[in-house]
Amino acid sequence: MIIQLKKFGTTLVSRPSGKEALLAFRPMLNQINKNEEVIIDFEGVIVLTPSWADEFLTPLSKQFSKRIQLRNIDNSSIKATLSILNKIKDNNNF
């Protein structure tokens, strides 16, 4: 499954917004089979804050572990946020 984050907007900020995005997307996540890869595509995302990412990406990391792949992470905002999440959470797959 490919999750295109730009569907949630180009500026992904705030914990409530990240939590809302995850809750809205949860039915789709429940359809992923045990062996399917989960590709998170950041194309089109201009700003990604650690708070939004922690609410949306951290639960995905816990649920899908090593099956997560990240695409289009060249944006400096995305790189910085993923780096922060890695430092805060030792078990993140980012």
N, C-alpha and C. Protein backbone atom coordinates (compact mmCIF):
# COMPACT_ATOMS: atom_id res chain seq x y z
N MET A 1 0.83 -1.17 0.00
CA MET A 1 0.00 0.00 0.00
C MET A 1 0.88 1.24 0.00
N ILE A 2 0.47 2.22 -0.77
CA ILE A 2 1.17 3.49 -0.82
C ILE A 2 0.30 4.54 -0.12
N ILE A 3 0.89 5.20 0.85
CA ILE A 3 0.20 6.28 1.55
C ILE A 3 0.79 7.59 1.06
N GLN A 4 0.00 8.35 0.33
CA GLN A 4 0.45 9.64 -0.19
C GLN A 4 0.05 10.72 0.80
N LEU A 5 1.04 11.23 1.52
CA LEU A 5 0.76 12.19 2.58
C LEU A 5 0.20 13.50 2.07
N LYS A 6 0.44 13.83 0.80
CA LYS A 6 -0.09 15.09 0.28
C LYS A 6 -1.62 15.11 0.27
N LYS A 7 -2.23 13.94 0.39
CA LYS A 7 -3.69 13.89 0.50
C LYS A 7 -4.18 14.57 1.78
N PHE A 8 -3.29 14.67 2.76
CA PHE A 8 -3.64 15.33 4.02
C PHE A 8 -3.25 16.80 4.01
N GLY A 9 -2.59 17.24 2.94
CA GLY A 9 -2.19 18.63 2.81
C GLY A 9 -0.71 18.74 2.50
N THR A 10 -0.28 19.93 2.16
CA THR A 10 1.13 20.16 1.87
C THR A 10 1.88 20.68 3.09
N THR A 11 1.15 21.17 4.06
CA THR A 11 1.72 21.65 5.31
C THR A 11 1.12 20.84 6.44
N LEU A 12 1.89 19.89 6.95
CA LEU A 12 1.39 18.95 7.96
C LEU A 12 1.93 19.38 9.31
N VAL A 13 1.06 20.02 10.09
CA VAL A 13 1.46 20.56 11.38
C VAL A 13 0.41 20.23 12.45
N SER A 14 0.82 20.15 13.66
CA SER A 14 0.03 20.01 14.89
C SER A 14 -0.35 18.56 15.20
N ARG A 15 -0.31 18.27 16.48
CA ARG A 15 -0.72 16.95 16.96
C ARG A 15 -2.17 16.63 16.64
N PRO A 16 -3.10 17.55 16.90
CA PRO A 16 -4.49 17.22 16.59
C PRO A 16 -4.72 16.89 15.12
N SER A 17 -4.04 17.60 14.24
CA SER A 17 -4.18 17.35 12.81
C SER A 17 -3.60 15.99 12.43
N GLY A 18 -2.44 15.64 12.98
CA GLY A 18 -1.84 14.34 12.71
C GLY A 18 -2.69 13.20 13.24
N LYS A 19 -3.23 13.38 14.43
CA LYS A 19 -4.10 12.35 15.02
C LYS A 19 -5.37 12.18 14.20
N GLU A 20 -5.94 13.28 13.76
CA GLU A 20 -7.15 13.24 12.93
C GLU A 20 -6.87 12.52 11.60
N ALA A 21 -5.72 12.80 11.01
CA ALA A 21 -5.35 12.15 9.75
C ALA A 21 -5.24 10.64 9.94
N LEU A 22 -4.61 10.23 11.03
CA LEU A 22 -4.47 8.79 11.29
C LEU A 22 -5.83 8.15 11.52
N LEU A 23 -6.68 8.78 12.29
CA LEU A 23 -8.01 8.23 12.54
C LEU A 23 -8.82 8.11 11.25
N ALA A 24 -8.69 9.08 10.38
CA ALA A 24 -9.40 9.04 9.11
C ALA A 24 -8.87 7.94 8.20
N PHE A 25 -7.58 7.66 8.31
CA PHE A 25 -6.94 6.68 7.44
C PHE A 25 -6.96 5.26 8.02
N ARG A 26 -7.28 5.13 9.29
CA ARG A 26 -7.24 3.84 9.98
C ARG A 26 -8.00 2.72 9.25
N PRO A 27 -9.21 2.95 8.69
CA PRO A 27 -9.89 1.86 7.98
C PRO A 27 -9.07 1.28 6.83
N MET A 28 -8.31 2.12 6.15
CA MET A 28 -7.46 1.63 5.06
C MET A 28 -6.31 0.79 5.61
N LEU A 29 -5.77 1.19 6.75
CA LEU A 29 -4.65 0.46 7.35
C LEU A 29 -5.08 -0.93 7.79
N ASN A 30 -6.32 -1.05 8.21
CA ASN A 30 -6.81 -2.35 8.65
C ASN A 30 -6.95 -3.35 7.51
N GLN A 31 -6.88 -2.88 6.28
CA GLN A 31 -6.99 -3.76 5.12
C GLN A 31 -5.64 -4.27 4.62
N ILE A 32 -4.55 -3.82 5.20
CA ILE A 32 -3.22 -4.23 4.75
C ILE A 32 -2.93 -5.63 5.28
N ASN A 33 -2.51 -6.52 4.37
CA ASN A 33 -2.22 -7.89 4.81
C ASN A 33 -0.86 -7.97 5.50
N LYS A 34 -0.60 -9.08 6.12
CA LYS A 34 0.58 -9.25 6.98
C LYS A 34 1.92 -9.14 6.26
N ASN A 35 1.94 -9.38 4.96
CA ASN A 35 3.20 -9.36 4.21
C ASN A 35 3.35 -8.15 3.30
N GLU A 36 2.34 -7.31 3.25
CA GLU A 36 2.35 -6.18 2.33
C GLU A 36 3.25 -5.05 2.85
N GLU A 37 4.01 -4.46 1.95
CA GLU A 37 4.84 -3.32 2.30
C GLU A 37 3.96 -2.08 2.43
N VAL A 38 4.38 -1.18 3.29
CA VAL A 38 3.69 0.09 3.48
C VAL A 38 4.66 1.19 3.03
N ILE A 39 4.32 1.84 1.94
CA ILE A 39 5.18 2.88 1.38
C ILE A 39 4.56 4.23 1.74
N ILE A 40 5.34 5.04 2.42
CA ILE A 40 4.89 6.37 2.79
C ILE A 40 5.58 7.36 1.84
N ASP A 41 4.76 8.03 1.03
CA ASP A 41 5.27 8.92 0.00
C ASP A 41 5.07 10.38 0.43
N PHE A 42 6.17 11.10 0.55
CA PHE A 42 6.14 12.49 0.99
C PHE A 42 6.08 13.48 -0.17
N GLU A 43 5.93 13.01 -1.39
CA GLU A 43 5.89 13.90 -2.55
C GLU A 43 4.81 14.95 -2.35
N GLY A 44 5.16 16.21 -2.59
CA GLY A 44 4.21 17.31 -2.47
C GLY A 44 4.09 17.91 -1.09
N VAL A 45 4.70 17.26 -0.09
CA VAL A 45 4.67 17.81 1.27
C VAL A 45 5.77 18.86 1.39
N ILE A 46 5.39 20.06 1.79
CA ILE A 46 6.34 21.16 1.91
C ILE A 46 6.85 21.27 3.33
N VAL A 47 5.94 21.15 4.30
CA VAL A 47 6.30 21.26 5.71
C VAL A 47 5.76 20.06 6.46
N LEU A 48 6.63 19.44 7.25
CA LEU A 48 6.25 18.32 8.12
C LEU A 48 6.84 18.59 9.49
N THR A 49 5.98 18.75 10.48
CA THR A 49 6.46 19.03 11.83
C THR A 49 6.57 17.74 12.64
N PRO A 50 7.45 17.73 13.62
CA PRO A 50 7.59 16.55 14.47
C PRO A 50 6.28 16.16 15.18
N SER A 51 5.49 17.14 15.56
CA SER A 51 4.24 16.83 16.27
C SER A 51 3.27 16.07 15.36
N TRP A 52 3.08 16.53 14.13
CA TRP A 52 2.19 15.84 13.20
C TRP A 52 2.73 14.44 12.90
N ALA A 53 4.00 14.39 12.60
CA ALA A 53 4.64 13.11 12.24
C ALA A 53 4.58 12.12 13.40
N ASP A 54 4.75 12.60 14.62
CA ASP A 54 4.69 11.70 15.77
C ASP A 54 3.30 11.09 15.91
N GLU A 55 2.28 11.85 15.67
CA GLU A 55 0.91 11.34 15.77
C GLU A 55 0.54 10.40 14.63
N PHE A 56 1.10 10.63 13.45
CA PHE A 56 0.73 9.81 12.29
C PHE A 56 1.74 8.70 12.02
N LEU A 57 3.02 9.03 11.99
CA LEU A 57 4.04 8.06 11.58
C LEU A 57 4.45 7.09 12.69
N THR A 58 4.53 7.56 13.92
CA THR A 58 4.96 6.68 15.00
C THR A 58 4.04 5.49 15.18
N PRO A 59 2.72 5.67 15.18
CA PRO A 59 1.85 4.49 15.26
C PRO A 59 2.02 3.54 14.07
N LEU A 60 2.27 4.10 12.89
CA LEU A 60 2.51 3.25 11.72
C LEU A 60 3.78 2.43 11.91
N SER A 61 4.80 3.08 12.45
CA SER A 61 6.06 2.39 12.70
C SER A 61 5.86 1.23 13.67
N LYS A 62 5.08 1.46 14.69
CA LYS A 62 4.82 0.41 15.68
C LYS A 62 3.99 -0.72 15.09
N GLN A 63 3.02 -0.38 14.24
CA GLN A 63 2.14 -1.39 13.67
C GLN A 63 2.80 -2.20 12.56
N PHE A 64 3.58 -1.54 11.71
CA PHE A 64 4.10 -2.21 10.52
C PHE A 64 5.61 -2.45 10.56
N SER A 65 6.27 -1.95 11.54
CA SER A 65 7.67 -2.22 11.81
C SER A 65 8.55 -2.13 10.57
N LYS A 66 9.20 -3.22 10.21
CA LYS A 66 10.20 -3.23 9.13
C LYS A 66 9.60 -3.19 7.72
N ARG A 67 8.28 -3.21 7.61
CA ARG A 67 7.66 -3.21 6.29
C ARG A 67 7.47 -1.81 5.73
N ILE A 68 7.89 -0.80 6.46
CA ILE A 68 7.71 0.58 6.02
C ILE A 68 8.87 1.03 5.14
N GLN A 69 8.53 1.67 4.04
CA GLN A 69 9.51 2.32 3.17
C GLN A 69 9.10 3.77 3.00
N LEU A 70 10.07 4.65 2.97
CA LEU A 70 9.81 6.07 2.80
C LEU A 70 10.27 6.52 1.43
N ARG A 71 9.46 7.35 0.79
CA ARG A 71 9.80 7.88 -0.54
C ARG A 71 9.71 9.40 -0.53
N ASN A 72 10.54 10.00 -1.37
CA ASN A 72 10.54 11.45 -1.57
C ASN A 72 10.76 12.21 -0.26
N ILE A 73 11.86 11.89 0.39
CA ILE A 73 12.19 12.50 1.68
C ILE A 73 13.33 13.52 1.57
N ASP A 74 13.54 14.07 0.38
CA ASP A 74 14.65 14.99 0.16
C ASP A 74 14.41 16.39 0.73
N ASN A 75 13.18 16.74 1.00
CA ASN A 75 12.85 18.05 1.56
C ASN A 75 13.49 18.20 2.93
N SER A 76 14.08 19.37 3.20
CA SER A 76 14.79 19.57 4.47
C SER A 76 13.88 19.50 5.69
N SER A 77 12.63 19.91 5.55
CA SER A 77 11.68 19.82 6.66
C SER A 77 11.40 18.36 7.01
N ILE A 78 11.25 17.54 5.99
CA ILE A 78 10.99 16.11 6.19
C ILE A 78 12.21 15.44 6.80
N LYS A 79 13.38 15.74 6.27
CA LYS A 79 14.61 15.15 6.81
C LYS A 79 14.80 15.49 8.27
N ALA A 80 14.59 16.75 8.60
CA ALA A 80 14.79 17.19 9.99
C ALA A 80 13.78 16.52 10.92
N THR A 81 12.55 16.44 10.50
CA THR A 81 11.52 15.81 11.33
C THR A 81 11.80 14.33 11.54
N LEU A 82 12.18 13.62 10.49
CA LEU A 82 12.49 12.20 10.63
C LEU A 82 13.69 11.99 11.54
N SER A 83 14.66 12.87 11.45
CA SER A 83 15.83 12.79 12.32
C SER A 83 15.44 12.99 13.79
N ILE A 84 14.57 13.95 14.04
CA ILE A 84 14.10 14.20 15.40
C ILE A 84 13.34 12.98 15.94
N LEU A 85 12.47 12.42 15.12
CA LEU A 85 11.72 11.24 15.57
C LEU A 85 12.65 10.07 15.89
N ASN A 86 13.67 9.91 15.08
CA ASN A 86 14.63 8.84 15.34
C ASN A 86 15.36 9.04 16.65
N LYS A 87 15.68 10.27 16.97
CA LYS A 87 16.39 10.55 18.22
C LYS A 87 15.48 10.35 19.43
N ILE A 88 14.23 10.71 19.29
CA ILE A 88 13.28 10.62 20.41
C ILE A 88 12.84 9.18 20.65
N LYS A 89 12.56 8.48 19.60
CA LYS A 89 12.01 7.12 19.70
C LYS A 89 13.01 6.12 19.13
N ASP A 90 13.62 5.36 19.97
CA ASP A 90 14.63 4.39 19.53
C ASP A 90 14.05 3.31 18.62
N ASN A 91 12.75 3.03 18.75
CA ASN A 91 12.17 1.93 17.98
C ASN A 91 11.54 2.37 16.67
N ASN A 92 11.63 3.65 16.32
CA ASN A 92 11.06 4.08 15.04
C ASN A 92 11.85 3.48 13.88
N ASN A 93 11.16 3.28 12.81
CA ASN A 93 11.75 2.70 11.61
C ASN A 93 12.13 3.79 10.62
N PHE A 94 12.23 5.04 11.05
CA PHE A 94 12.48 6.13 10.14
C PHE A 94 13.92 6.49 10.19
